[in-house]
Amino acid sequence: MQLLLNTAELNIVADILLREQSSRAAAAAATGTQAEEEMAKRSRADDELLNKILARDLRLDSDELLRLSDLLASCKRELKDEIARAQDSPAAPGLRQKLAILEHALEKINEACVMF
């Protein structure tokens, strides 16, 4: 099965990977050497994954698909919490639209994981 994501889905996945990269960089400054090695290994893998997403190259291996699935599921939970807090705010419709796109991308990635 070939993984096909539209532009909006690719943009959300890239945004999530970029945010993960920047939060990991901030955490690396506050950790020990063994944790730094593990973070560096994950960072390299996530950098390669981000480069593939930005290049629109969706030939991903099972580890990359699982990593994306985990990241998107985590972001989905965070986004649902954010929507619950901002129910009556003007930002709520935009957050709901972002959630719908994220859920659609996550569904496609989970299908690809199952088919792998």
PDB file of N, CA and C in Angstrom:
ATOM      1  N   MET A   1       0.843  -1.187   0.000  1.00  0.00           N
ATOM      2  CA  MET A   1       0.000   0.000   0.000  1.00  0.00           C
ATOM      3  C   MET A   1       0.889   1.251   0.000  1.00  0.00           C
ATOM      4  N   GLN A   2       0.514   2.182  -0.833  1.00  0.00           N
ATOM      5  CA  GLN A   2       1.265   3.422  -0.904  1.00  0.00           C
ATOM      6  C   GLN A   2       0.596   4.467  -0.022  1.00  0.00           C
ATOM      7  N   LEU A   3       1.393   5.149   0.763  1.00  0.00           N
ATOM      8  CA  LEU A   3       0.892   6.201   1.642  1.00  0.00           C
ATOM      9  C   LEU A   3       0.739   7.477   0.832  1.00  0.00           C
ATOM     10  N   LEU A   4      -0.453   8.020   0.799  1.00  0.00           N
ATOM     11  CA  LEU A   4      -0.737   9.257   0.080  1.00  0.00           C
ATOM     12  C   LEU A   4      -1.333  10.263   1.050  1.00  0.00           C
ATOM     13  N   LEU A   5      -0.643  11.371   1.233  1.00  0.00           N
ATOM     14  CA  LEU A   5      -1.145  12.450   2.071  1.00  0.00           C
ATOM     15  C   LEU A   5      -1.293  13.698   1.210  1.00  0.00           C
ATOM     16  N   ASN A   6      -2.367  14.452   1.451  1.00  0.00           N
ATOM     17  CA  ASN A   6      -2.533  15.696   0.699  1.00  0.00           C
ATOM     18  C   ASN A   6      -1.647  16.785   1.312  1.00  0.00           C
ATOM     19  N   THR A   7      -1.644  17.943   0.676  1.00  0.00           N
ATOM     20  CA  THR A   7      -0.755  19.025   1.106  1.00  0.00           C
ATOM     21  C   THR A   7      -1.026  19.461   2.537  1.00  0.00           C
ATOM     22  N   ALA A   8      -2.287  19.590   2.911  1.00  0.00           N
ATOM     23  CA  ALA A   8      -2.621  20.013   4.280  1.00  0.00           C
ATOM     24  C   ALA A   8      -2.125  18.988   5.299  1.00  0.00           C
ATOM     25  N   GLU A   9      -2.275  17.711   4.987  1.00  0.00           N
ATOM     26  CA  GLU A   9      -1.820  16.657   5.894  1.00  0.00           C
ATOM     27  C   GLU A   9      -0.294  16.652   5.996  1.00  0.00           C
ATOM     28  N   LEU A  10       0.378  16.802   4.859  1.00  0.00           N
ATOM     29  CA  LEU A  10       1.842  16.868   4.871  1.00  0.00           C
ATOM     30  C   LEU A  10       2.331  18.061   5.681  1.00  0.00           C
ATOM     31  N   ASN A  11       1.645  19.186   5.545  1.00  0.00           N
ATOM     32  CA  ASN A  11       2.039  20.385   6.298  1.00  0.00           C
ATOM     33  C   ASN A  11       1.896  20.176   7.797  1.00  0.00           C
ATOM     34  N   ILE A  12       0.815  19.530   8.213  1.00  0.00           N
ATOM     35  CA  ILE A  12       0.613  19.273   9.644  1.00  0.00           C
ATOM     36  C   ILE A  12       1.674  18.299  10.165  1.00  0.00           C
ATOM     37  N   VAL A  13       1.960  17.257   9.404  1.00  0.00           N
ATOM     38  CA  VAL A  13       2.986  16.294   9.821  1.00  0.00           C
ATOM     39  C   VAL A  13       4.339  16.986   9.934  1.00  0.00           C
ATOM     40  N   ALA A  14       4.685  17.813   8.959  1.00  0.00           N
ATOM     41  CA  ALA A  14       5.954  18.536   9.003  1.00  0.00           C
ATOM     42  C   ALA A  14       5.995  19.485  10.198  1.00  0.00           C
ATOM     43  N   ASP A  15       4.887  20.166  10.458  1.00  0.00           N
ATOM     44  CA  ASP A  15       4.819  21.079  11.599  1.00  0.00           C
ATOM     45  C   ASP A  15       5.026  20.330  12.915  1.00  0.00           C
ATOM     46  N   ILE A  16       4.418  19.181  13.040  1.00  0.00           N
ATOM     47  CA  ILE A  16       4.559  18.373  14.255  1.00  0.00           C
ATOM     48  C   ILE A  16       6.005  17.916  14.426  1.00  0.00           C
ATOM     49  N   LEU A  17       6.629  17.483  13.341  1.00  0.00           N
ATOM     50  CA  LEU A  17       8.023  17.060  13.412  1.00  0.00           C
ATOM     51  C   LEU A  17       8.943  18.227  13.768  1.00  0.00           C
ATOM     52  N   LEU A  18       8.665  19.400  13.222  1.00  0.00           N
ATOM     53  CA  LEU A  18       9.468  20.583  13.549  1.00  0.00           C
ATOM     54  C   LEU A  18       9.320  20.970  15.015  1.00  0.00           C
ATOM     55  N   ARG A  19       8.088  20.916  15.528  1.00  0.00           N
ATOM     56  CA  ARG A  19       7.872  21.230  16.943  1.00  0.00           C
ATOM     57  C   ARG A  19       8.555  20.211  17.839  1.00  0.00           C
ATOM     58  N   GLU A  20       8.508  18.946  17.444  1.00  0.00           N
ATOM     59  CA  GLU A  20       9.169  17.887  18.209  1.00  0.00           C
ATOM     60  C   GLU A  20      10.676  18.113  18.221  1.00  0.00           C
ATOM     61  N   GLN A  21      11.203  18.512  17.083  1.00  0.00           N
ATOM     62  CA  GLN A  21      12.631  18.781  16.965  1.00  0.00           C
ATOM     63  C   GLN A  21      13.058  19.922  17.878  1.00  0.00           C
ATOM     64  N   SER A  22      12.289  21.009  17.895  1.00  0.00           N
ATOM     65  CA  SER A  22      12.663  22.151  18.731  1.00  0.00           C
ATOM     66  C   SER A  22      12.478  21.848  20.213  1.00  0.00           C
ATOM     67  N   SER A  23      11.451  21.089  20.577  1.00  0.00           N
ATOM     68  CA  SER A  23      11.278  20.750  21.991  1.00  0.00           C
ATOM     69  C   SER A  23      12.358  19.775  22.454  1.00  0.00           C
ATOM     70  N   ARG A  24      12.798  18.898  21.567  1.00  0.00           N
ATOM     71  CA  ARG A  24      13.869  17.963  21.910  1.00  0.00           C
ATOM     72  C   ARG A  24      15.191  18.720  22.085  1.00  0.00           C
ATOM     73  N   ALA A  25      15.415  19.727  21.250  1.00  0.00           N
ATOM     74  CA  ALA A  25      16.638  20.523  21.374  1.00  0.00           C
ATOM     75  C   ALA A  25      16.669  21.255  22.715  1.00  0.00           C
ATOM     76  N   ALA A  26      15.520  21.763  23.143  1.00  0.00           N
ATOM     77  CA  ALA A  26      15.446  22.446  24.431  1.00  0.00           C
ATOM     78  C   ALA A  26      15.673  21.461  25.577  1.00  0.00           C
ATOM     79  N   ALA A  27      15.132  20.262  25.450  1.00  0.00           N
ATOM     80  CA  ALA A  27      15.301  19.255  26.498  1.00  0.00           C
ATOM     81  C   ALA A  27      16.737  18.743  26.554  1.00  0.00           C
ATOM     82  N   ALA A  28      17.408  18.696  25.411  1.00  0.00           N
ATOM     83  CA  ALA A  28      18.783  18.194  25.370  1.00  0.00           C
ATOM     84  C   ALA A  28      19.718  19.064  26.192  1.00  0.00           C
ATOM     85  N   ALA A  29      19.409  20.341  26.265  1.00  0.00           N
ATOM     86  CA  ALA A  29      20.252  21.250  27.036  1.00  0.00           C
ATOM     87  C   ALA A  29      20.174  20.972  28.533  1.00  0.00           C
ATOM     88  N   ALA A  30      19.116  20.307  28.975  1.00  0.00           N
ATOM     89  CA  ALA A  30      18.912  20.105  30.405  1.00  0.00           C
ATOM     90  C   ALA A  30      19.112  18.654  30.859  1.00  0.00           C
ATOM     91  N   THR A  31      19.713  17.798  30.005  1.00  0.00           N
ATOM     92  CA  THR A  31      19.844  16.383  30.364  1.00  0.00           C
ATOM     93  C   THR A  31      21.293  15.960  30.493  1.00  0.00           C
ATOM     94  N   GLY A  32      21.478  14.711  30.947  1.00  0.00           N
ATOM     95  CA  GLY A  32      22.813  14.138  31.111  1.00  0.00           C
ATOM     96  C   GLY A  32      23.329  13.524  29.824  1.00  0.00           C
ATOM     97  N   THR A  33      24.544  12.966  29.876  1.00  0.00           N
ATOM     98  CA  THR A  33      25.209  12.464  28.678  1.00  0.00           C
ATOM     99  C   THR A  33      24.534  11.231  28.089  1.00  0.00           C
ATOM    100  N   GLN A  34      24.087  10.290  28.910  1.00  0.00           N
ATOM    101  CA  GLN A  34      23.437   9.093  28.380  1.00  0.00           C
ATOM    102  C   GLN A  34      22.124   9.470  27.709  1.00  0.00           C
ATOM    103  N   ALA A  35      21.384  10.341  28.319  1.00  0.00           N
ATOM    104  CA  ALA A  35      20.129  10.794  27.722  1.00  0.00           C
ATOM    105  C   ALA A  35      20.397  11.567  26.441  1.00  0.00           C
ATOM    106  N   GLU A  36      21.504  12.306  26.412  1.00  0.00           N
ATOM    107  CA  GLU A  36      21.868  13.056  25.209  1.00  0.00           C
ATOM    108  C   GLU A  36      22.128  12.118  24.036  1.00  0.00           C
ATOM    109  N   GLU A  37      22.785  10.999  24.284  1.00  0.00           N
ATOM    110  CA  GLU A  37      23.066  10.031  23.226  1.00  0.00           C
ATOM    111  C   GLU A  37      21.766   9.472  22.646  1.00  0.00           C
ATOM    112  N   GLU A  38      20.851   9.119  23.516  1.00  0.00           N
ATOM    113  CA  GLU A  38      19.556   8.603  23.062  1.00  0.00           C
ATOM    114  C   GLU A  38      18.796   9.664  22.282  1.00  0.00           C
ATOM    115  N   MET A  39      18.817  10.889  22.780  1.00  0.00           N
ATOM    116  CA  MET A  39      18.121  11.977  22.095  1.00  0.00           C
ATOM    117  C   MET A  39      18.774  12.270  20.740  1.00  0.00           C
ATOM    118  N   ALA A  40      20.091  12.176  20.668  1.00  0.00           N
ATOM    119  CA  ALA A  40      20.790  12.417  19.404  1.00  0.00           C
ATOM    120  C   ALA A  40      20.416  11.362  18.370  1.00  0.00           C
ATOM    121  N   LYS A  41      20.306  10.116  18.818  1.00  0.00           N
ATOM    122  CA  LYS A  41      19.911   9.033  17.916  1.00  0.00           C
ATOM    123  C   LYS A  41      18.500   9.271  17.381  1.00  0.00           C
ATOM    124  N   ARG A  42      17.578   9.612  18.275  1.00  0.00           N
ATOM    125  CA  ARG A  42      16.201   9.880  17.862  1.00  0.00           C
ATOM    126  C   ARG A  42      16.144  11.122  16.987  1.00  0.00           C
ATOM    127  N   SER A  43      16.962  12.101  17.322  1.00  0.00           N
ATOM    128  CA  SER A  43      16.998  13.346  16.568  1.00  0.00           C
ATOM    129  C   SER A  43      17.411  13.099  15.121  1.00  0.00           C
ATOM    130  N   ARG A  44      18.428  12.257  14.926  1.00  0.00           N
ATOM    131  CA  ARG A  44      18.870  11.938  13.565  1.00  0.00           C
ATOM    132  C   ARG A  44      17.763  11.250  12.790  1.00  0.00           C
ATOM    133  N   ALA A  45      17.087  10.307  13.428  1.00  0.00           N
ATOM    134  CA  ALA A  45      15.998   9.592  12.766  1.00  0.00           C
ATOM    135  C   ALA A  45      14.854  10.550  12.433  1.00  0.00           C
ATOM    136  N   ASP A  46      14.519  11.434  13.364  1.00  0.00           N
ATOM    137  CA  ASP A  46      13.450  12.401  13.115  1.00  0.00           C
ATOM    138  C   ASP A  46      13.852  13.418  12.052  1.00  0.00           C
ATOM    139  N   ASP A  47      15.127  13.788  12.008  1.00  0.00           N
ATOM    140  CA  ASP A  47      15.608  14.698  10.968  1.00  0.00           C
ATOM    141  C   ASP A  47      15.449  14.060   9.586  1.00  0.00           C
ATOM    142  N   GLU A  48      15.819  12.789   9.478  1.00  0.00           N
ATOM    143  CA  GLU A  48      15.663  12.073   8.215  1.00  0.00           C
ATOM    144  C   GLU A  48      14.191  11.977   7.826  1.00  0.00           C
ATOM    145  N   LEU A  49      13.349  11.713   8.809  1.00  0.00           N
ATOM    146  CA  LEU A  49      11.913  11.631   8.564  1.00  0.00           C
ATOM    147  C   LEU A  49      11.357  12.975   8.108  1.00  0.00           C
ATOM    148  N   LEU A  50      11.761  14.045   8.778  1.00  0.00           N
ATOM    149  CA  LEU A  50      11.328  15.387   8.392  1.00  0.00           C
ATOM    150  C   LEU A  50      11.780  15.714   6.976  1.00  0.00           C
ATOM    151  N   ASN A  51      13.022  15.374   6.642  1.00  0.00           N
ATOM    152  CA  ASN A  51      13.515  15.629   5.286  1.00  0.00           C
ATOM    153  C   ASN A  51      12.689  14.888   4.237  1.00  0.00           C
ATOM    154  N   LYS A  52      12.296  13.649   4.552  1.00  0.00           N
ATOM    155  CA  LYS A  52      11.449  12.897   3.619  1.00  0.00           C
ATOM    156  C   LYS A  52      10.089  13.568   3.447  1.00  0.00           C
ATOM    157  N   ILE A  53       9.499  14.003   4.557  1.00  0.00           N
ATOM    158  CA  ILE A  53       8.183  14.647   4.498  1.00  0.00           C
ATOM    159  C   ILE A  53       8.280  15.943   3.702  1.00  0.00           C
ATOM    160  N   LEU A  54       9.310  16.745   3.959  1.00  0.00           N
ATOM    161  CA  LEU A  54       9.460  18.008   3.238  1.00  0.00           C
ATOM    162  C   LEU A  54       9.713  17.785   1.754  1.00  0.00           C
ATOM    163  N   ALA A  55      10.365  16.674   1.413  1.00  0.00           N
ATOM    164  CA  ALA A  55      10.623  16.344   0.012  1.00  0.00           C
ATOM    165  C   ALA A  55       9.446  15.605  -0.620  1.00  0.00           C
ATOM    166  N   ARG A  56       8.394  15.393   0.157  1.00  0.00           N
ATOM    167  CA  ARG A  56       7.199  14.673  -0.311  1.00  0.00           C
ATOM    168  C   ARG A  56       7.529  13.229  -0.706  1.00  0.00           C
ATOM    169  N   ASP A  57       8.543  12.665  -0.065  1.00  0.00           N
ATOM    170  CA  ASP A  57       8.976  11.293  -0.295  1.00  0.00           C
ATOM    171  C   ASP A  57       8.375  10.429   0.805  1.00  0.00           C
ATOM    172  N   LEU A  58       7.280   9.766   0.491  1.00  0.00           N
ATOM    173  CA  LEU A  58       6.560   9.007   1.512  1.00  0.00           C
ATOM    174  C   LEU A  58       6.879   7.515   1.477  1.00  0.00           C
ATOM    175  N   ARG A  59       8.068   7.175   1.020  1.00  0.00           N
ATOM    176  CA  ARG A  59       8.509   5.788   1.081  1.00  0.00           C
ATOM    177  C   ARG A  59       9.133   5.576   2.457  1.00  0.00           C
ATOM    178  N   LEU A  60       8.272   5.296   3.426  1.00  0.00           N
ATOM    179  CA  LEU A  60       8.694   5.195   4.823  1.00  0.00           C
ATOM    180  C   LEU A  60       8.778   3.745   5.248  1.00  0.00           C
ATOM    181  N   ASP A  61       9.743   3.450   6.120  1.00  0.00           N
ATOM    182  CA  ASP A  61       9.829   2.095   6.661  1.00  0.00           C
ATOM    183  C   ASP A  61       8.902   1.973   7.872  1.00  0.00           C
ATOM    184  N   SER A  62       8.821   0.777   8.420  1.00  0.00           N
ATOM    185  CA  SER A  62       7.869   0.532   9.510  1.00  0.00           C
ATOM    186  C   SER A  62       8.188   1.366  10.746  1.00  0.00           C
ATOM    187  N   ASP A  63       9.475   1.544  11.064  1.00  0.00           N
ATOM    188  CA  ASP A  63       9.843   2.355  12.232  1.00  0.00           C
ATOM    189  C   ASP A  63       9.414   3.808  12.052  1.00  0.00           C
ATOM    190  N   GLU A  64       9.595   4.329  10.848  1.00  0.00           N
ATOM    191  CA  GLU A  64       9.193   5.715  10.579  1.00  0.00           C
ATOM    192  C   GLU A  64       7.677   5.869  10.658  1.00  0.00           C
ATOM    193  N   LEU A  65       6.952   4.891  10.136  1.00  0.00           N
ATOM    194  CA  LEU A  65       5.490   4.941  10.214  1.00  0.00           C
ATOM    195  C   LEU A  65       5.014   4.893  11.663  1.00  0.00           C
ATOM    196  N   LEU A  66       5.629   4.020  12.456  1.00  0.00           N
ATOM    197  CA  LEU A  66       5.251   3.920  13.868  1.00  0.00           C
ATOM    198  C   LEU A  66       5.587   5.203  14.620  1.00  0.00           C
ATOM    199  N   ARG A  67       6.724   5.798  14.324  1.00  0.00           N
ATOM    200  CA  ARG A  67       7.110   7.065  14.964  1.00  0.00           C
ATOM    201  C   ARG A  67       6.101   8.159  14.623  1.00  0.00           C
ATOM    202  N   LEU A  68       5.731   8.247  13.339  1.00  0.00           N
ATOM    203  CA  LEU A  68       4.732   9.239  12.940  1.00  0.00           C
ATOM    204  C   LEU A  68       3.398   8.982  13.620  1.00  0.00           C
ATOM    205  N   SER A  69       3.001   7.732  13.683  1.00  0.00           N
ATOM    206  CA  SER A  69       1.736   7.386  14.329  1.00  0.00           C
ATOM    207  C   SER A  69       1.735   7.813  15.795  1.00  0.00           C
ATOM    208  N   ASP A  70       2.832   7.537  16.499  1.00  0.00           N
ATOM    209  CA  ASP A  70       2.935   7.926  17.911  1.00  0.00           C
ATOM    210  C   ASP A  70       2.897   9.436  18.080  1.00  0.00           C
ATOM    211  N   LEU A  71       3.653  10.153  17.248  1.00  0.00           N
ATOM    212  CA  LEU A  71       3.683  11.617  17.339  1.00  0.00           C
ATOM    213  C   LEU A  71       2.313  12.228  17.044  1.00  0.00           C
ATOM    214  N   LEU A  72       1.668  11.743  16.000  1.00  0.00           N
ATOM    215  CA  LEU A  72       0.365  12.297  15.639  1.00  0.00           C
ATOM    216  C   LEU A  72      -0.694  11.970  16.692  1.00  0.00           C
ATOM    217  N   ALA A  73      -0.638  10.777  17.257  1.00  0.00           N
ATOM    218  CA  ALA A  73      -1.591  10.421  18.308  1.00  0.00           C
ATOM    219  C   ALA A  73      -1.402  11.311  19.532  1.00  0.00           C
ATOM    220  N   SER A  74      -0.163  11.579  19.886  1.00  0.00           N
ATOM    221  CA  SER A  74       0.126  12.463  21.012  1.00  0.00           C
ATOM    222  C   SER A  74      -0.384  13.876  20.733  1.00  0.00           C
ATOM    223  N   CYS A  75      -0.135  14.363  19.538  1.00  0.00           N
ATOM    224  CA  CYS A  75      -0.602  15.711  19.178  1.00  0.00           C
ATOM    225  C   CYS A  75      -2.124  15.777  19.114  1.00  0.00           C
ATOM    226  N   LYS A  76      -2.740  14.680  18.711  1.00  0.00           N
ATOM    227  CA  LYS A  76      -4.201  14.634  18.671  1.00  0.00           C
ATOM    228  C   LYS A  76      -4.768  14.804  20.075  1.00  0.00           C
ATOM    229  N   ARG A  77      -4.189  14.115  21.051  1.00  0.00           N
ATOM    230  CA  ARG A  77      -4.652  14.252  22.443  1.00  0.00           C
ATOM    231  C   ARG A  77      -4.471  15.685  22.935  1.00  0.00           C
ATOM    232  N   GLU A  78      -3.299  16.263  22.649  1.00  0.00           N
ATOM    233  CA  GLU A  78      -3.030  17.641  23.070  1.00  0.00           C
ATOM    234  C   GLU A  78      -3.993  18.627  22.414  1.00  0.00           C
ATOM    235  N   LEU A  79      -4.272  18.416  21.149  1.00  0.00           N
ATOM    236  CA  LEU A  79      -5.166  19.308  20.420  1.00  0.00           C
ATOM    237  C   LEU A  79      -6.598  19.194  20.939  1.00  0.00           C
ATOM    238  N   LYS A  80      -7.031  17.982  21.267  1.00  0.00           N
ATOM    239  CA  LYS A  80      -8.370  17.809  21.847  1.00  0.00           C
ATOM    240  C   LYS A  80      -8.484  18.529  23.182  1.00  0.00           C
ATOM    241  N   ASP A  81      -7.430  18.454  23.994  1.00  0.00           N
ATOM    242  CA  ASP A  81      -7.421  19.169  25.271  1.00  0.00           C
ATOM    243  C   ASP A  81      -7.476  20.676  25.050  1.00  0.00           C
ATOM    244  N   GLU A  82      -6.719  21.139  24.070  1.00  0.00           N
ATOM    245  CA  GLU A  82      -6.705  22.563  23.755  1.00  0.00           C
ATOM    246  C   GLU A  82      -8.077  23.037  23.267  1.00  0.00           C
ATOM    247  N   ILE A  83      -8.745  22.229  22.474  1.00  0.00           N
ATOM    248  CA  ILE A  83     -10.087  22.566  21.990  1.00  0.00           C
ATOM    249  C   ILE A  83     -11.070  22.625  23.149  1.00  0.00           C
ATOM    250  N   ALA A  84     -10.950  21.692  24.082  1.00  0.00           N
ATOM    251  CA  ALA A  84     -11.833  21.684  25.246  1.00  0.00           C
ATOM    252  C   ALA A  84     -11.659  22.946  26.083  1.00  0.00           C
ATOM    253  N   ARG A  85     -10.422  23.409  26.201  1.00  0.00           N
ATOM    254  CA  ARG A  85     -10.164  24.635  26.970  1.00  0.00           C
ATOM    255  C   ARG A  85     -10.627  25.884  26.228  1.00  0.00           C
ATOM    256  N   ALA A  86     -10.597  25.862  24.906  1.00  0.00           N
ATOM    257  CA  ALA A  86     -10.899  27.050  24.109  1.00  0.00           C
ATOM    258  C   ALA A  86     -12.243  26.930  23.401  1.00  0.00           C
ATOM    259  N   GLN A  87     -13.201  26.292  24.052  1.00  0.00           N
ATOM    260  CA  GLN A  87     -14.483  26.001  23.423  1.00  0.00           C
ATOM    261  C   GLN A  87     -15.168  27.232  22.828  1.00  0.00           C
ATOM    262  N   ASP A  88     -15.233  28.319  23.557  1.00  0.00           N
ATOM    263  CA  ASP A  88     -15.947  29.497  23.096  1.00  0.00           C
ATOM    264  C   ASP A  88     -15.022  30.556  22.507  1.00  0.00           C
ATOM    265  N   SER A  89     -13.782  30.233  22.354  1.00  0.00           N
ATOM    266  CA  SER A  89     -12.833  31.215  21.838  1.00  0.00           C
ATOM    267  C   SER A  89     -12.909  31.288  20.313  1.00  0.00           C
ATOM    268  N   PRO A  90     -12.480  32.396  19.737  1.00  0.00           N
ATOM    269  CA  PRO A  90     -12.479  32.525  18.274  1.00  0.00           C
ATOM    270  C   PRO A  90     -11.522  31.534  17.590  1.00  0.00           C
ATOM    271  N   ALA A  91     -10.576  30.998  18.334  1.00  0.00           N
ATOM    272  CA  ALA A  91      -9.615  30.050  17.765  1.00  0.00           C
ATOM    273  C   ALA A  91     -10.186  28.637  17.642  1.00  0.00           C
ATOM    274  N   ALA A  92     -11.289  28.348  18.294  1.00  0.00           N
ATOM    275  CA  ALA A  92     -11.841  26.988  18.335  1.00  0.00           C
ATOM    276  C   ALA A  92     -12.134  26.410  16.945  1.00  0.00           C
ATOM    277  N   PRO A  93     -12.779  27.143  16.025  1.00  0.00           N
ATOM    278  CA  PRO A  93     -13.027  26.546  14.703  1.00  0.00           C
ATOM    279  C   PRO A  93     -11.740  26.163  13.960  1.00  0.00           C
ATOM    280  N   GLY A  94     -10.718  26.991  14.048  1.00  0.00           N
ATOM    281  CA  GLY A  94      -9.444  26.666  13.416  1.00  0.00           C
ATOM    282  C   GLY A  94      -8.798  25.440  14.035  1.00  0.00           C
ATOM    283  N   LEU A  95      -8.914  25.317  15.354  1.00  0.00           N
ATOM    284  CA  LEU A  95      -8.363  24.149  16.042  1.00  0.00           C
ATOM    285  C   LEU A  95      -9.114  22.884  15.643  1.00  0.00           C
ATOM    286  N   ARG A  96     -10.439  22.992  15.509  1.00  0.00           N
ATOM    287  CA  ARG A  96     -11.231  21.824  15.088  1.00  0.00           C
ATOM    288  C   ARG A  96     -10.876  21.403  13.663  1.00  0.00           C
ATOM    289  N   GLN A  97     -10.630  22.379  12.797  1.00  0.00           N
ATOM    290  CA  GLN A  97     -10.241  22.061  11.425  1.00  0.00           C
ATOM    291  C   GLN A  97      -8.871  21.372  11.418  1.00  0.00           C
ATOM    292  N   LYS A  98      -7.948  21.879  12.217  1.00  0.00           N
ATOM    293  CA  LYS A  98      -6.626  21.268  12.323  1.00  0.00           C
ATOM    294  C   LYS A  98      -6.740  19.841  12.850  1.00  0.00           C
ATOM    295  N   LEU A  99      -7.624  19.629  13.834  1.00  0.00           N
ATOM    296  CA  LEU A  99      -7.838  18.298  14.384  1.00  0.00           C
ATOM    297  C   LEU A  99      -8.371  17.345  13.320  1.00  0.00           C
ATOM    298  N   ALA A 100      -9.302  17.811  12.499  1.00  0.00           N
ATOM    299  CA  ALA A 100      -9.876  16.960  11.450  1.00  0.00           C
ATOM    300  C   ALA A 100      -8.792  16.533  10.452  1.00  0.00           C
ATOM    301  N   ILE A 101      -7.929  17.450  10.080  1.00  0.00           N
ATOM    302  CA  ILE A 101      -6.845  17.129   9.145  1.00  0.00           C
ATOM    303  C   ILE A 101      -5.872  16.156   9.797  1.00  0.00           C
ATOM    304  N   LEU A 102      -5.530  16.415  11.051  1.00  0.00           N
ATOM    305  CA  LEU A 102      -4.611  15.540  11.779  1.00  0.00           C
ATOM    306  C   LEU A 102      -5.190  14.132  11.898  1.00  0.00           C
ATOM    307  N   GLU A 103      -6.475  14.034  12.226  1.00  0.00           N
ATOM    308  CA  GLU A 103      -7.108  12.716  12.362  1.00  0.00           C
ATOM    309  C   GLU A 103      -7.094  11.956  11.032  1.00  0.00           C
ATOM    310  N   HIS A 104      -7.332  12.667   9.942  1.00  0.00           N
ATOM    311  CA  HIS A 104      -7.323  12.028   8.631  1.00  0.00           C
ATOM    312  C   HIS A 104      -5.921  11.514   8.292  1.00  0.00           C
ATOM    313  N   ALA A 105      -4.895  12.324   8.562  1.00  0.00           N
ATOM    314  CA  ALA A 105      -3.517  11.898   8.324  1.00  0.00           C
ATOM    315  C   ALA A 105      -3.162  10.706   9.212  1.00  0.00           C
ATOM    316  N   LEU A 106      -3.557  10.753  10.470  1.00  0.00           N
ATOM    317  CA  LEU A 106      -3.279   9.663  11.403  1.00  0.00           C
ATOM    318  C   LEU A 106      -3.945   8.367  10.940  1.00  0.00           C
ATOM    319  N   GLU A 107      -5.169   8.479  10.449  1.00  0.00           N
ATOM    320  CA  GLU A 107      -5.881   7.297   9.952  1.00  0.00           C
ATOM    321  C   GLU A 107      -5.118   6.672   8.781  1.00  0.00           C
ATOM    322  N   LYS A 108      -4.649   7.490   7.855  1.00  0.00           N
ATOM    323  CA  LYS A 108      -3.890   6.975   6.707  1.00  0.00           C
ATOM    324  C   LYS A 108      -2.584   6.330   7.150  1.00  0.00           C
ATOM    325  N   ILE A 109      -1.909   6.954   8.105  1.00  0.00           N
ATOM    326  CA  ILE A 109      -0.635   6.402   8.583  1.00  0.00           C
ATOM    327  C   ILE A 109      -0.863   5.103   9.328  1.00  0.00           C
ATOM    328  N   ASN A 110      -1.918   5.030  10.142  1.00  0.00           N
ATOM    329  CA  ASN A 110      -2.230   3.780  10.846  1.00  0.00           C
ATOM    330  C   ASN A 110      -2.576   2.668   9.872  1.00  0.00           C
ATOM    331  N   GLU A 111      -3.299   3.002   8.792  1.00  0.00           N
ATOM    332  CA  GLU A 111      -3.595   1.993   7.760  1.00  0.00           C
ATOM    333  C   GLU A 111      -2.311   1.485   7.118  1.00  0.00           C
ATOM    334  N   ALA A 112      -1.392   2.406   6.845  1.00  0.00           N
ATOM    335  CA  ALA A 112      -0.116   2.004   6.249  1.00  0.00           C
ATOM    336  C   ALA A 112       0.685   1.113   7.210  1.00  0.00           C
ATOM    337  N   CYS A 113       0.605   1.410   8.518  1.00  0.00           N
ATOM    338  CA  CYS A 113       1.289   0.577   9.525  1.00  0.00           C
ATOM    339  C   CYS A 113       0.734  -0.844   9.495  1.00  0.00           C
ATOM    340  N   VAL A 114      -0.575  -0.964   9.403  1.00  0.00           N
ATOM    341  CA  VAL A 114      -1.219  -2.273   9.413  1.00  0.00           C
ATOM    342  C   VAL A 114      -0.863  -3.056   8.147  1.00  0.00           C
ATOM    343  N   MET A 115      -0.786  -2.352   7.030  1.00  0.00           N
ATOM    344  CA  MET A 115      -0.515  -3.004   5.758  1.00  0.00           C
ATOM    345  C   MET A 115       0.975  -3.360   5.586  1.00  0.00           C
ATOM    346  N   PHE A 116       1.845  -2.760   6.404  1.00  0.00           N
ATOM    347  CA  PHE A 116       3.279  -2.964   6.256  1.00  0.00           C
ATOM    348  C   PHE A 116       3.608  -4.346   6.645  1.00  0.00           C
TER     349      PHE A 116
END
